[in-house]
Amino acid sequence: LVQHRLGTHGIEAVLYEGVTRGDKDFNSLVTKMKGLNVDMIYFGGLHTEAALIVRQAREQGLDAAPFMSGDGLVTEEFAQLAGPAAEGVLMTFAKDPTASPQAQAVVQYFRDKGIEPEGWTLYSYLAV
C-alpha cells in the first residue's frame, strides 16, 4: 500500500524490506539504507523494532534521513528504547483521546489501577 501510494505521487521507494518481530540487530539493514543514501525511512512496524532501527541508524551516522512510522510507536517504551535517537522521529496517530474532557473519568480509572492509557487503550476500551 505504501509503495503504491508513493508511486501515485511520483516517489520511488528505493528499498522495501521486512523485519522479524523480536529481532534485535538491524545493522545490516541500516548499512543497506546508508549505501542507498535514503532520503527518509518509513517503518510500518511496532515500537520495539522501530526503536532499535532508529537507534542503530543514528549510531551508524544515518542522521540526515528522517524516521517516520505510524501508530505502532504510540507508547512511552519507544522513547525509552530509542533513547536520544527518538528525538525528531515522526509518527502518525489519531487525536489523543486522553485529552478529551469526556474521557477523563475512564482515564482516571486506568491511572488509579497503575495503567497509563496510551496508544489504543481507550479506543479498545470503548470498543469492548
Protein backbone atom coordinates (compact mmCIF):
# COMPACT_ATOMS: atom_id res chain seq x y z
CA LEU A 1 0.00 0.00 0.00
CA VAL A 2 2.75 2.47 0.94
CA GLN A 3 4.70 1.75 -2.24
CA HIS A 4 1.56 2.20 -4.34
CA ARG A 5 0.64 5.49 -2.65
CA LEU A 6 4.18 6.81 -3.06
CA GLY A 7 4.11 5.85 -6.73
CA THR A 8 0.91 7.80 -7.32
CA HIS A 9 2.86 10.88 -6.21
CA GLY A 10 5.90 10.11 -8.33
CA ILE A 11 8.01 8.93 -5.40
CA GLU A 12 10.01 5.72 -5.73
CA ALA A 13 10.81 3.58 -2.71
CA VAL A 14 14.47 2.64 -3.08
CA LEU A 15 14.24 -0.19 -0.54
CA TYR A 16 11.36 -2.28 0.77
CA GLU A 17 12.36 -4.75 3.47
CA GLY A 18 10.55 -6.77 6.08
CA VAL A 19 11.79 -7.44 9.60
CA THR A 20 11.02 -10.21 12.01
CA ARG A 21 9.28 -9.24 15.22
CA GLY A 22 11.69 -9.77 18.09
CA ASP A 23 14.86 -9.18 16.06
CA LYS A 24 17.43 -7.02 17.81
CA ASP A 25 20.19 -6.45 15.27
CA PHE A 26 19.26 -4.24 12.32
CA ASN A 27 22.79 -3.13 11.45
CA SER A 28 22.79 -4.90 8.06
CA LEU A 29 19.51 -3.17 7.16
CA VAL A 30 20.94 0.18 8.25
CA THR A 31 24.08 -0.49 6.17
CA LYS A 32 21.85 -1.11 3.12
CA MET A 33 19.99 2.13 3.73
CA LYS A 34 23.24 4.05 4.09
CA GLY A 35 24.55 2.55 0.86
CA LEU A 36 21.39 3.66 -0.96
CA ASN A 37 21.64 7.15 0.54
CA VAL A 38 17.97 7.08 1.54
CA ASP A 39 16.13 10.39 1.94
CA MET A 40 13.68 9.08 4.51
CA ILE A 41 12.95 5.91 6.47
CA TYR A 42 9.31 4.88 6.81
CA PHE A 43 8.72 1.92 9.11
CA GLY A 44 5.34 0.22 9.32
CA GLY A 45 6.03 -1.96 12.34
CA LEU A 46 5.89 -1.77 16.11
CA HIS A 47 7.73 0.31 18.67
CA THR A 48 10.28 -2.25 19.85
CA GLU A 49 11.82 -2.87 16.44
CA ALA A 50 11.37 0.77 15.41
CA ALA A 51 13.32 1.96 18.44
CA LEU A 52 16.19 -0.38 17.68
CA ILE A 53 16.25 0.54 13.98
CA VAL A 54 16.30 4.28 14.61
CA ARG A 55 18.91 3.92 17.36
CA GLN A 56 21.17 1.73 15.22
CA ALA A 57 20.69 4.08 12.25
CA ARG A 58 21.83 7.06 14.32
CA GLU A 59 24.73 5.05 15.76
CA GLN A 60 25.90 4.33 12.21
CA GLY A 61 25.67 8.01 11.27
CA LEU A 62 22.44 7.82 9.28
CA ASP A 63 21.27 11.12 10.77
CA ALA A 64 20.09 13.02 7.71
CA ALA A 65 17.23 10.65 6.87
CA PRO A 66 14.09 11.45 8.88
CA PHE A 67 12.47 8.42 10.51
CA MET A 68 8.69 8.13 10.27
CA SER A 69 6.24 5.50 11.44
CA GLY A 70 2.61 5.02 12.31
CA ASP A 71 0.66 4.32 15.45
CA GLY A 72 2.89 1.39 16.40
CA LEU A 73 5.12 3.94 18.16
CA VAL A 74 2.44 5.33 20.45
CA THR A 75 4.00 4.14 23.69
CA GLU A 76 6.46 5.58 26.18
CA GLU A 77 8.55 2.45 25.74
CA PHE A 78 9.55 3.60 22.24
CA ALA A 79 11.34 6.65 23.67
CA GLN A 80 12.91 4.58 26.44
CA LEU A 81 14.31 2.01 23.99
CA ALA A 82 15.41 4.52 21.35
CA GLY A 83 16.97 6.92 23.84
CA PRO A 84 18.20 10.20 22.35
CA ALA A 85 17.67 8.77 18.85
CA ALA A 86 13.91 9.21 19.39
CA GLU A 87 14.35 12.98 19.09
CA GLY A 88 12.84 14.16 15.81
CA VAL A 89 11.09 10.88 14.95
CA LEU A 90 7.79 11.49 13.17
CA MET A 91 4.67 9.42 13.66
CA THR A 92 1.03 9.47 12.72
CA PHE A 93 -1.88 8.78 15.03
CA ALA A 94 -5.43 9.88 15.59
CA LYS A 95 -6.22 12.68 18.02
CA ASP A 96 -5.11 11.82 21.58
CA PRO A 97 -8.28 10.51 23.26
CA THR A 98 -6.86 11.09 26.75
CA ALA A 99 -7.15 14.85 26.16
CA SER A 100 -10.92 14.67 25.69
CA PRO A 101 -12.94 16.08 28.61
CA GLN A 102 -15.45 13.23 28.14
CA ALA A 103 -12.70 10.65 28.68
CA GLN A 104 -11.33 11.98 31.97
CA ALA A 105 -13.26 9.58 34.20
CA VAL A 106 -12.03 6.49 32.35
CA VAL A 107 -8.51 7.93 32.09
CA GLN A 108 -8.50 8.34 35.88
CA TYR A 109 -9.93 4.81 36.27
CA PHE A 110 -6.94 3.37 34.38
CA ARG A 111 -4.41 5.55 36.20
CA ASP A 112 -5.85 4.53 39.57
CA LYS A 113 -5.07 0.94 38.56
CA GLY A 114 -1.48 1.92 37.62
CA ILE A 115 -2.12 1.81 33.87
CA GLU A 116 -1.25 4.75 31.64
CA PRO A 117 -3.90 4.70 28.88
CA GLU A 118 -1.57 5.27 25.94
CA GLY A 119 -1.93 4.37 22.30
CA TRP A 120 -5.02 2.34 21.52
CA THR A 121 -6.02 1.70 25.16
CA LEU A 122 -9.06 4.00 25.23
CA TYR A 123 -10.16 3.06 21.72
CA SER A 124 -10.03 -0.62 22.73
CA TYR A 125 -11.87 0.05 25.99
CA LEU A 126 -14.60 1.87 24.07
CA ALA A 127 -14.91 -0.98 21.58
CA VAL A 128 -15.43 -3.52 24.34
